[in-house]
Amino acid sequence: MKRFKIITILFFSLLVSVGCDSDFEEINQDPNNPLAVPADLLIPGIARAAQNSNYSTFIGGDMGACWSQQFSKVQYNDEERYIPRQGVISGVWNTWYAVVIADADAMYNIAEAEGNNNMMGVALTLQAYGYAFLTDVYGDIPFSEAITADEGNIAPAYDTQADVYAGIFAMLDNAIALLDTGGSINATNDVIYGGDAGLWKKFASSLKFRALMRASGKMSVASELQALVTAGNLFSSNAEEAKLVYLGADPSSNPLYESIVFGTRGEWKINSEMVDWLAFDADPRLPVYAGLNDADEYRGKPSGYADVPNDDYNYTNVSALGDFYLRPELPGFFVSNPELKFLMAEAATKGYISGDANAYYVEAITASLDFNEVAAPDAAAFLAGKFLQSNQAVALEQIGRQNWVALFSQGVESWNEWRRTGYPALSAAAEADLNEIPSRYNYPTSEGSINKANYDAAVANQGADLLTTPVWWMN
């Protein structure tokens, strides 16, 4: 939101003589501070801001992977016990509005002036992604008036989550129509797809498929989902998924690496819920997800407990995250191919789309095994026992649990999907501040003062501004 990017401009009066050179402005323009920038120069900043937030240990770790019980902590675990830091809550709001959404809006305006359809489509895709992230974690949010600070509106109204979703669908429809129809995307600046407009169209289409599935409990989505399948612009492989591949050194590496390895913050560990399931299922991803503890075992910690570390769960007897997930180059995902295929399996199981649900399910697990570099013999043996049961309820639980497994380290998204499906069945953390897993982030405390009337209206519509108030698509 532009009101979070306050720009102070100083105007100086120059007294010049009438004999001033007529080419003064052209001669004195600073080449290092151009008056306008190409739209594609904004892609890296938006992509990094989004994924640095998604994979931050304080956001995607504490208020994502810990809440979905993929990660656990052996120290400093207030957030794991549902006591989030309000500064972090405000930081999420500010970053996604001020950088991801506002810069994507600026990108669109520049691209429109350039007559660049492809960059307009890129901008709309990233803006829709930003709004989807915010509404999924907060619920009702400013949308229709969000980018109006330059018009004097510093107190934007909140839109219902249903209306935000309608706006997201419209943005993505527009993006899909624009992409691959003209204009250019600078390959160097496009840190996601290297200038390939066709892959950006697949990103927009796959993001819309995910958003439709998220809203599927509240609206009819079958015809739009089928249209996306029929159009053939969904991801077909891991090579096409939307991700930011980080670089090999701080400060341009994955935030998990930067905090846990580079920053020597080893309190983030693997959760016993994940370890126990992978061990029970003889899942070959266990040694990828977790390291060995001091007894050469894979051992997770249950969520919660106020008094840690202790003899039961400490830095050495609980397994760290696996080295694969602590690489500096670990990608940050916008939408992954395995997640899309699990969503397609669910949609086919529910009769929303045509196709073989079991085939989508096996394809999804295969894609996750491939990403995790599980060797072919182990992958084949594991897949031999993977097929959907004929009972729909059982099949949906299978899909939901395997999607939870595959979303390992994608903290906020794993929590989103757990809130939507309820799979796997999880209990609240031990010695927690609440008796249930949070359903949303509370609004930043500043909203109750600087935007009080609109904040109050949102609370009246959605429910109390509590972590336990469900968002629209959960009801």
Protein backbone atom coordinates (compact mmCIF):
# COMPACT_ATOMS: atom_id res chain seq x y z
CA MET A 1 0.00 0.00 0.00
CA LYS A 2 1.54 3.30 -1.03
CA ARG A 3 0.78 4.93 2.29
CA PHE A 4 3.47 2.66 3.70
CA LYS A 5 5.99 4.04 1.20
CA ILE A 6 6.06 7.68 2.19
CA ILE A 7 8.18 9.59 -0.28
CA THR A 8 9.30 13.11 0.61
CA ILE A 9 10.07 15.30 -2.41
CA LEU A 10 11.97 18.56 -1.95
CA PHE A 11 11.49 21.30 -4.55
CA PHE A 12 14.25 23.85 -5.02
CA SER A 13 13.83 27.17 -6.83
CA LEU A 14 16.57 27.96 -9.29
CA LEU A 15 17.29 31.52 -10.37
CA VAL A 16 18.62 31.33 -13.90
CA SER A 17 19.46 33.97 -16.44
CA VAL A 18 17.60 34.39 -19.71
CA GLY A 19 20.80 33.32 -21.46
CA CYS A 20 20.51 29.71 -20.15
CA ASP A 21 21.37 27.06 -22.75
CA SER A 22 18.20 25.68 -24.37
CA ASP A 23 19.55 22.12 -23.94
CA PHE A 24 20.14 22.53 -20.18
CA GLU A 25 17.71 19.75 -19.06
CA GLU A 26 18.97 17.23 -21.59
CA ILE A 27 22.62 17.95 -20.86
CA ASN A 28 22.17 17.80 -17.09
CA GLN A 29 20.01 14.68 -16.76
CA ASP A 30 21.70 12.21 -14.39
CA PRO A 31 22.07 8.86 -16.23
CA ASN A 32 22.27 7.05 -12.89
CA ASN A 33 18.84 8.35 -11.81
CA PRO A 34 16.56 7.96 -14.82
CA LEU A 35 13.15 9.60 -14.79
CA ALA A 36 11.48 6.29 -15.69
CA VAL A 37 12.51 2.65 -15.47
CA PRO A 38 11.46 -0.32 -17.59
CA ALA A 39 8.69 -2.34 -16.00
CA ASP A 40 10.76 -5.54 -15.85
CA LEU A 41 13.30 -3.96 -13.49
CA LEU A 42 10.70 -4.34 -10.73
CA ILE A 43 10.44 -8.14 -10.99
CA PRO A 44 13.47 -9.06 -8.82
CA GLY A 45 12.46 -6.83 -5.91
CA ILE A 46 8.89 -8.10 -5.88
CA ALA A 47 9.90 -11.75 -6.17
CA ARG A 48 12.49 -11.51 -3.41
CA ALA A 49 10.22 -9.56 -1.05
CA ALA A 50 7.50 -12.18 -1.46
CA GLN A 51 9.71 -15.21 -0.94
CA ASN A 52 11.85 -13.64 1.77
CA SER A 53 8.60 -13.23 3.69
CA ASN A 54 7.31 -16.71 2.80
CA TYR A 55 10.53 -18.40 3.92
CA SER A 56 11.42 -16.13 6.82
CA THR A 57 11.87 -18.19 9.96
CA PHE A 58 9.73 -15.65 11.84
CA ILE A 59 6.87 -15.82 9.31
CA GLY A 60 6.91 -18.97 7.21
CA GLY A 61 8.67 -20.82 10.02
CA ASP A 62 6.99 -19.61 13.22
CA MET A 63 3.55 -18.63 11.83
CA GLY A 64 3.38 -21.22 9.08
CA ALA A 65 5.38 -24.43 9.33
CA CYS A 66 5.16 -24.51 13.15
CA TRP A 67 1.38 -24.01 13.01
CA SER A 68 1.00 -26.77 10.39
CA GLN A 69 3.30 -28.91 12.55
CA GLN A 70 6.02 -29.47 10.00
CA PHE A 71 8.57 -27.57 12.12
CA SER A 72 8.96 -27.32 15.87
CA LYS A 73 11.26 -25.31 18.13
CA VAL A 74 13.40 -26.21 21.12
CA GLN A 75 13.75 -22.61 22.31
CA TYR A 76 12.09 -19.19 21.80
CA ASN A 77 8.86 -20.90 20.88
CA ASP A 78 6.17 -18.38 21.85
CA GLU A 79 4.89 -18.30 18.25
CA GLU A 80 4.68 -22.08 18.16
CA ARG A 81 2.40 -21.74 21.20
CA TYR A 82 0.28 -19.16 19.34
CA ILE A 83 1.74 -15.97 20.81
CA PRO A 84 2.92 -14.14 17.70
CA ARG A 85 5.02 -11.00 17.78
CA GLN A 86 2.93 -8.02 16.77
CA GLY A 87 5.91 -6.41 15.06
CA VAL A 88 6.15 -9.41 12.73
CA ILE A 89 2.39 -9.29 12.09
CA SER A 90 2.71 -5.62 11.09
CA GLY A 91 5.76 -6.41 8.99
CA VAL A 92 3.81 -8.91 6.90
CA TRP A 93 1.07 -6.37 6.22
CA ASN A 94 3.51 -3.58 5.37
CA THR A 95 5.80 -5.64 3.15
CA TRP A 96 3.09 -7.21 1.06
CA TYR A 97 1.23 -3.96 0.53
CA ALA A 98 4.20 -1.61 0.17
CA VAL A 99 6.49 -3.80 -1.92
CA VAL A 100 4.72 -6.75 -3.53
CA ILE A 101 1.35 -5.14 -4.32
CA ALA A 102 2.33 -1.48 -4.75
CA ASP A 103 5.35 -2.29 -6.90
CA ALA A 104 3.34 -4.73 -9.01
CA ASP A 105 0.76 -1.98 -9.52
CA ALA A 106 3.53 0.42 -10.56
CA MET A 107 4.87 -2.27 -12.90
CA TYR A 108 1.47 -2.55 -14.55
CA ASN A 109 1.21 1.21 -15.08
CA ILE A 110 4.68 1.41 -16.60
CA ALA A 111 4.02 -1.61 -18.84
CA GLU A 112 0.72 -0.12 -19.96
CA ALA A 113 2.51 3.09 -20.94
CA GLU A 114 5.06 0.97 -22.79
CA GLY A 115 2.30 -0.93 -24.60
CA ASN A 116 3.85 -4.17 -23.32
CA ASN A 117 1.12 -6.80 -22.94
CA ASN A 118 3.44 -9.43 -21.53
CA MET A 119 4.70 -7.20 -18.73
CA MET A 120 1.15 -6.11 -17.94
CA GLY A 121 0.30 -9.80 -17.53
CA VAL A 122 3.33 -10.38 -15.31
CA ALA A 123 2.36 -7.42 -13.13
CA LEU A 124 -1.23 -8.63 -12.73
CA THR A 125 -0.05 -12.14 -11.83
CA LEU A 126 2.26 -10.85 -9.11
CA GLN A 127 -0.35 -8.43 -7.80
CA ALA A 128 -2.97 -11.19 -7.64
CA TYR A 129 -0.46 -13.40 -5.83
CA GLY A 130 0.16 -10.64 -3.30
CA TYR A 131 -3.51 -10.07 -2.59
CA ALA A 132 -4.11 -13.82 -2.32
CA PHE A 133 -1.35 -14.13 0.26
CA LEU A 134 -2.70 -11.27 2.37
CA THR A 135 -6.37 -12.25 2.29
CA ASP A 136 -5.56 -15.88 3.08
CA VAL A 137 -3.73 -14.93 6.28
CA TYR A 138 -5.85 -11.97 7.44
CA GLY A 139 -9.29 -12.47 5.84
CA ASP A 140 -11.04 -9.21 4.91
CA ILE A 141 -8.45 -6.68 3.70
CA PRO A 142 -8.25 -3.40 1.76
CA PHE A 143 -8.47 -4.24 -1.94
CA SER A 144 -10.55 -1.86 -4.04
CA GLU A 145 -9.05 1.18 -2.25
CA ALA A 146 -5.69 -0.35 -1.36
CA ILE A 147 -3.57 1.57 -3.87
CA THR A 148 -5.13 5.01 -3.49
CA ALA A 149 -2.79 6.84 -1.09
CA ASP A 150 -1.56 9.00 -3.97
CA GLU A 151 -5.17 10.13 -4.38
CA GLY A 152 -5.28 11.29 -0.78
CA ASN A 153 -6.87 8.18 0.71
CA ILE A 154 -4.76 7.01 3.64
CA ALA A 155 -7.62 5.08 5.29
CA PRO A 156 -8.79 2.51 2.74
CA ALA A 157 -11.96 0.52 3.23
CA TYR A 158 -11.72 -3.22 3.78
CA ASP A 159 -13.29 -5.55 1.22
CA THR A 160 -14.84 -8.87 2.18
CA GLN A 161 -12.70 -11.87 1.40
CA ALA A 162 -15.31 -13.02 -1.11
CA ASP A 163 -14.93 -9.71 -2.97
CA VAL A 164 -11.15 -9.87 -2.77
CA TYR A 165 -11.25 -13.32 -4.32
CA ALA A 166 -13.52 -12.06 -7.10
CA GLY A 167 -10.95 -9.34 -7.78
CA ILE A 168 -8.12 -11.86 -7.80
CA PHE A 169 -9.94 -14.02 -10.34
CA ALA A 170 -10.52 -10.98 -12.55
CA MET A 171 -6.83 -10.00 -12.35
CA LEU A 172 -5.73 -13.50 -13.30
CA ASP A 173 -8.22 -13.74 -16.16
CA ASN A 174 -6.82 -10.48 -17.49
CA ALA A 175 -3.25 -11.69 -17.02
CA ILE A 176 -3.94 -14.95 -18.87
CA ALA A 177 -5.50 -13.02 -21.74
CA LEU A 178 -2.53 -10.62 -21.97
CA LEU A 179 0.40 -13.01 -21.57
CA ASP A 180 2.05 -14.35 -24.70
CA THR A 181 0.23 -11.78 -26.89
CA GLY A 182 2.97 -9.23 -27.49
CA GLY A 183 5.72 -7.25 -25.85
CA SER A 184 8.89 -8.46 -24.21
CA ILE A 185 10.13 -9.61 -20.81
CA ASN A 186 13.80 -8.97 -20.14
CA ALA A 187 15.36 -12.38 -19.51
CA THR A 188 17.99 -11.04 -17.11
CA ASN A 189 15.50 -9.21 -14.90
CA ASP A 190 12.95 -12.03 -14.96
CA VAL A 191 14.34 -14.05 -12.06
CA ILE A 192 11.39 -16.45 -12.18
CA TYR A 193 11.07 -17.51 -15.83
CA GLY A 194 13.94 -15.87 -17.72
CA GLY A 195 11.61 -13.94 -20.02
CA ASP A 196 9.30 -16.80 -21.06
CA ALA A 197 5.78 -15.33 -21.36
CA GLY A 198 4.27 -18.77 -21.97
CA LEU A 199 5.49 -19.96 -18.57
CA TRP A 200 4.12 -16.81 -16.93
CA LYS A 201 0.74 -17.75 -18.42
CA LYS A 202 1.10 -21.17 -16.76
CA PHE A 203 1.90 -19.44 -13.46
CA ALA A 204 -1.24 -17.28 -13.72
CA SER A 205 -3.39 -20.27 -14.71
CA SER A 206 -2.03 -22.52 -11.96
CA LEU A 207 -2.41 -19.76 -9.36
CA LYS A 208 -6.03 -19.33 -10.43
CA PHE A 209 -6.60 -23.09 -10.09
CA ARG A 210 -5.29 -22.93 -6.51
CA ALA A 211 -7.41 -19.89 -5.68
CA LEU A 212 -10.53 -21.54 -7.10
CA MET A 213 -9.92 -24.64 -5.01
CA ARG A 214 -9.43 -22.48 -1.92
CA ALA A 215 -12.81 -20.86 -2.55
CA SER A 216 -14.49 -24.12 -3.62
CA GLY A 217 -16.29 -24.59 -0.32
CA LYS A 218 -18.06 -21.25 -0.76
CA MET A 219 -18.84 -21.02 -4.48
CA SER A 220 -19.32 -23.10 -7.60
CA VAL A 221 -15.95 -23.54 -9.29
CA ALA A 222 -16.26 -26.63 -11.48
CA SER A 223 -16.75 -24.87 -14.84
CA GLU A 224 -13.82 -22.51 -14.30
CA LEU A 225 -11.53 -25.31 -13.12
CA GLN A 226 -12.44 -27.43 -16.13
CA ALA A 227 -11.81 -24.47 -18.44
CA LEU A 228 -8.28 -24.17 -17.05
CA VAL A 229 -7.65 -27.88 -17.60
CA THR A 230 -9.07 -27.74 -21.12
CA ALA A 231 -6.98 -24.71 -22.04
CA GLY A 232 -3.81 -26.69 -21.34
CA ASN A 233 -1.94 -23.89 -19.60
CA LEU A 234 -1.36 -25.51 -16.22
CA PHE A 235 2.07 -26.74 -15.08
CA SER A 236 3.03 -30.01 -16.72
CA SER A 237 6.33 -30.59 -14.89
CA ASN A 238 8.53 -29.30 -12.09
CA ALA A 239 10.47 -27.33 -14.70
CA GLU A 240 7.45 -25.09 -15.23
CA GLU A 241 6.47 -24.34 -11.62
CA ALA A 242 6.67 -20.79 -10.27
CA LYS A 243 9.67 -20.38 -7.99
CA LEU A 244 12.54 -18.12 -7.13
CA VAL A 245 15.85 -19.98 -7.08
CA TYR A 246 18.05 -18.34 -4.49
CA LEU A 247 21.78 -17.74 -4.86
CA GLY A 248 24.64 -19.42 -3.04
CA ALA A 249 25.66 -16.76 -0.55
CA ASP A 250 24.21 -14.41 2.04
CA PRO A 251 22.36 -12.02 1.65
CA SER A 252 20.87 -13.51 -1.53
CA SER A 253 20.28 -17.03 -0.24
CA ASN A 254 17.15 -18.70 1.06
CA PRO A 255 16.05 -17.19 4.41
CA LEU A 256 16.06 -20.63 6.08
CA TYR A 257 19.77 -20.90 5.31
CA GLU A 258 20.42 -17.31 6.31
CA SER A 259 18.79 -17.71 9.74
CA ILE A 260 19.57 -21.30 10.67
CA VAL A 261 23.00 -21.84 9.10
CA PHE A 262 24.52 -18.42 8.41
CA GLY A 263 22.86 -16.91 11.49
CA THR A 264 23.49 -20.03 13.65
CA ARG A 265 19.88 -20.08 14.87
CA GLY A 266 19.39 -23.81 15.28
CA GLU A 267 16.20 -23.76 17.36
CA TRP A 268 14.05 -24.61 14.33
CA LYS A 269 13.75 -28.41 14.16
CA ILE A 270 11.51 -30.97 12.52
CA ASN A 271 8.17 -31.73 14.18
CA SER A 272 7.42 -35.19 15.55
CA GLU A 273 4.14 -35.16 13.61
CA MET A 274 6.11 -35.17 10.37
CA VAL A 275 8.81 -37.60 11.51
CA ASP A 276 6.32 -40.10 12.90
CA TRP A 277 4.20 -40.10 9.74
CA LEU A 278 7.16 -40.44 7.38
CA ALA A 279 8.57 -43.29 9.46
CA PHE A 280 5.19 -45.05 9.61
CA ASP A 281 4.75 -44.69 5.85
CA ALA A 282 8.33 -45.80 5.09
CA ASP A 283 8.63 -42.54 3.15
CA PRO A 284 12.07 -42.11 1.53
CA ARG A 285 11.83 -38.35 2.05
CA LEU A 286 12.52 -38.73 5.81
CA PRO A 287 16.34 -38.50 5.51
CA VAL A 288 15.88 -35.54 3.18
CA TYR A 289 13.58 -33.65 5.53
CA ALA A 290 15.47 -34.41 8.74
CA GLY A 291 19.01 -34.89 9.99
CA LEU A 292 20.11 -37.48 12.51
CA ASN A 293 20.14 -36.49 16.17
CA ASP A 294 22.96 -37.19 18.62
CA ALA A 295 21.81 -40.82 18.91
CA ASP A 296 21.85 -41.29 15.12
CA GLU A 297 18.04 -41.34 15.00
CA TYR A 298 15.39 -39.29 13.29
CA ARG A 299 13.52 -37.67 16.16
CA GLY A 300 11.05 -34.82 16.06
CA LYS A 301 9.67 -32.61 18.80
CA PRO A 302 5.92 -32.21 19.44
CA SER A 303 4.53 -28.71 19.08
CA GLY A 304 4.56 -26.55 22.18
CA TYR A 305 5.90 -26.77 25.74
CA ALA A 306 6.74 -23.52 27.42
CA ASP A 307 9.83 -24.75 29.25
CA VAL A 308 12.35 -25.73 26.58
CA PRO A 309 15.11 -26.65 26.05
CA ASN A 310 15.17 -29.46 28.60
CA ASP A 311 16.35 -33.04 28.86
CA ASP A 312 13.44 -34.29 26.75
CA TYR A 313 13.82 -31.93 23.77
CA ASN A 314 16.97 -29.95 23.19
CA TYR A 315 19.33 -28.80 20.46
CA THR A 316 21.07 -32.16 20.09
CA ASN A 317 18.48 -34.85 20.74
CA VAL A 318 15.91 -33.44 18.27
CA SER A 319 16.61 -33.77 14.56
CA ALA A 320 17.53 -30.62 12.69
CA LEU A 321 16.01 -29.84 9.33
CA GLY A 322 17.72 -31.87 6.62
CA ASP A 323 20.71 -30.40 4.81
CA PHE A 324 18.70 -30.37 1.57
CA TYR A 325 16.37 -27.78 3.14
CA LEU A 326 19.20 -25.71 4.55
CA ARG A 327 20.89 -25.13 1.19
CA PRO A 328 21.37 -21.46 0.30
CA GLU A 329 19.92 -22.19 -3.17
CA LEU A 330 16.69 -23.80 -1.90
CA PRO A 331 13.91 -22.37 -4.11
CA GLY A 332 11.13 -20.20 -2.75
CA PHE A 333 7.86 -21.38 -4.28
CA PHE A 334 4.97 -19.26 -5.47
CA VAL A 335 3.05 -22.31 -6.71
CA SER A 336 4.72 -25.71 -6.97
CA ASN A 337 3.93 -28.45 -9.46
CA PRO A 338 3.30 -31.11 -6.77
CA GLU A 339 0.77 -28.84 -5.03
CA LEU A 340 -1.05 -28.18 -8.29
CA LYS A 341 -1.28 -31.90 -9.06
CA PHE A 342 -2.65 -32.66 -5.58
CA LEU A 343 -5.27 -29.97 -6.12
CA MET A 344 -6.14 -31.53 -9.48
CA ALA A 345 -6.44 -34.94 -7.80
CA GLU A 346 -8.82 -33.41 -5.25
CA ALA A 347 -10.82 -31.64 -7.96
CA ALA A 348 -11.15 -34.85 -9.98
CA THR A 349 -12.16 -36.79 -6.85
CA LYS A 350 -14.92 -34.26 -6.18
CA GLY A 351 -16.06 -34.31 -9.82
CA TYR A 352 -15.04 -30.73 -10.54
CA ILE A 353 -12.80 -31.67 -13.46
CA SER A 354 -12.39 -34.58 -15.83
CA GLY A 355 -9.40 -36.89 -15.62
CA ASP A 356 -8.11 -39.72 -13.49
CA ALA A 357 -7.81 -38.59 -9.87
CA ASN A 358 -5.43 -41.43 -9.06
CA ALA A 359 -3.16 -40.49 -11.96
CA TYR A 360 -2.97 -36.89 -10.72
CA TYR A 361 -2.28 -38.18 -7.19
CA VAL A 362 0.59 -40.42 -8.28
CA GLU A 363 1.95 -37.66 -10.51
CA ALA A 364 1.93 -35.28 -7.53
CA ILE A 365 3.86 -37.67 -5.27
CA THR A 366 6.29 -38.45 -8.09
CA ALA A 367 6.92 -34.73 -8.62
CA SER A 368 7.65 -34.27 -4.90
CA LEU A 369 10.03 -37.26 -4.87
CA ASP A 370 11.80 -35.84 -7.93
CA PHE A 371 12.22 -32.43 -6.28
CA ASN A 372 13.63 -34.09 -3.17
CA GLU A 373 16.06 -36.08 -5.32
CA VAL A 374 14.88 -39.44 -4.04
CA ALA A 375 16.71 -42.17 -5.94
CA ALA A 376 14.77 -44.12 -8.56
CA PRO A 377 14.69 -47.52 -6.75
CA ASP A 378 13.42 -45.96 -3.53
CA ALA A 379 10.91 -43.80 -5.38
CA ALA A 380 9.57 -46.75 -7.38
CA ALA A 381 9.16 -48.89 -4.27
CA PHE A 382 7.31 -46.12 -2.45
CA LEU A 383 5.03 -45.33 -5.40
CA ALA A 384 4.10 -49.00 -5.81
CA GLY A 385 1.91 -48.74 -2.73
CA LYS A 386 0.38 -45.36 -3.52
CA PHE A 387 -3.12 -45.29 -4.98
CA LEU A 388 -6.37 -43.61 -3.98
CA GLN A 389 -9.06 -45.58 -2.19
CA SER A 390 -12.48 -45.74 -3.84
CA ASN A 391 -14.18 -44.16 -0.82
CA GLN A 392 -14.23 -40.42 -1.52
CA ALA A 393 -13.72 -39.33 2.09
CA VAL A 394 -10.72 -41.62 2.48
CA ALA A 395 -9.29 -40.48 -0.86
CA LEU A 396 -9.56 -36.82 0.13
CA GLU A 397 -7.72 -37.54 3.37
CA GLN A 398 -4.98 -39.33 1.43
CA ILE A 399 -4.61 -36.36 -0.92
CA GLY A 400 -4.64 -33.82 1.91
CA ARG A 401 -2.02 -35.64 3.95
CA GLN A 402 0.31 -36.20 1.01
CA ASN A 403 -0.03 -32.54 0.01
CA TRP A 404 0.94 -31.59 3.58
CA VAL A 405 4.02 -33.80 3.30
CA ALA A 406 5.00 -32.34 -0.08
CA LEU A 407 4.57 -28.74 1.14
CA PHE A 408 7.39 -29.24 3.66
CA SER A 409 9.17 -25.91 4.30
CA GLN A 410 6.49 -23.95 2.41
CA GLY A 411 5.25 -22.77 5.77
CA VAL A 412 2.41 -20.36 5.13
CA GLU A 413 1.08 -22.41 2.23
CA SER A 414 1.17 -25.64 4.26
CA TRP A 415 -0.83 -23.88 7.00
CA ASN A 416 -3.26 -22.48 4.40
CA GLU A 417 -3.95 -25.91 2.98
CA TRP A 418 -4.25 -27.51 6.41
CA ARG A 419 -6.83 -24.88 7.38
CA ARG A 420 -8.74 -25.55 4.17
CA THR A 421 -8.78 -29.35 4.21
CA GLY A 422 -8.24 -30.27 7.87
CA TYR A 423 -5.74 -32.95 6.82
CA PRO A 424 -3.89 -34.37 8.56
CA ALA A 425 -5.80 -34.26 11.84
CA LEU A 426 -3.70 -32.13 14.20
CA SER A 427 -4.10 -31.20 17.86
CA ALA A 428 -3.21 -27.84 19.36
CA ALA A 429 0.32 -27.38 20.67
CA ALA A 430 1.07 -28.45 24.24
CA GLU A 431 1.00 -25.67 26.85
CA ALA A 432 -0.29 -23.27 24.20
CA ASP A 433 -1.89 -19.88 24.73
CA LEU A 434 -4.96 -21.09 22.77
CA ASN A 435 -6.80 -24.38 22.74
CA GLU A 436 -6.81 -24.57 18.93
CA ILE A 437 -4.45 -23.95 16.03
CA PRO A 438 -4.77 -20.36 14.73
CA SER A 439 -7.11 -19.69 11.82
CA ARG A 440 -5.66 -16.33 10.79
CA TYR A 441 -3.27 -13.53 11.70
CA ASN A 442 -4.77 -10.68 13.70
CA TYR A 443 -4.65 -7.26 12.03
CA PRO A 444 -1.70 -4.95 12.78
CA THR A 445 -2.40 -2.93 15.92
CA SER A 446 -1.93 0.29 13.94
CA GLU A 447 -5.04 -0.45 11.88
CA GLY A 448 -7.22 0.00 14.97
CA SER A 449 -6.00 3.59 15.31
CA ILE A 450 -5.04 5.08 11.94
CA ASN A 451 -7.84 3.30 10.05
CA LYS A 452 -10.24 2.75 12.92
CA ALA A 453 -13.61 3.17 11.17
CA ASN A 454 -12.74 0.73 8.41
CA TYR A 455 -11.05 -1.64 10.83
CA ASP A 456 -14.16 -1.66 13.01
CA ALA A 457 -16.35 -2.36 9.97
CA ALA A 458 -14.14 -5.30 8.97
CA VAL A 459 -14.28 -6.76 12.47
CA ALA A 460 -18.06 -6.35 12.55
CA ASN A 461 -18.32 -8.25 9.26
CA GLN A 462 -15.72 -10.95 9.77
CA GLY A 463 -15.74 -11.46 13.51
CA ALA A 464 -13.51 -10.57 16.42
CA ASP A 465 -9.94 -9.70 15.53
CA LEU A 466 -8.60 -12.90 17.03
CA LEU A 467 -6.28 -15.65 15.84
CA THR A 468 -9.18 -18.09 16.20
CA THR A 469 -11.70 -16.27 13.96
CA PRO A 470 -12.05 -18.29 10.75
CA VAL A 471 -11.62 -16.60 7.39
CA TRP A 472 -14.39 -16.75 4.76
CA TRP A 473 -13.26 -19.87 2.92
CA MET A 474 -12.95 -21.82 6.19
CA ASN A 475 -16.60 -21.35 7.20
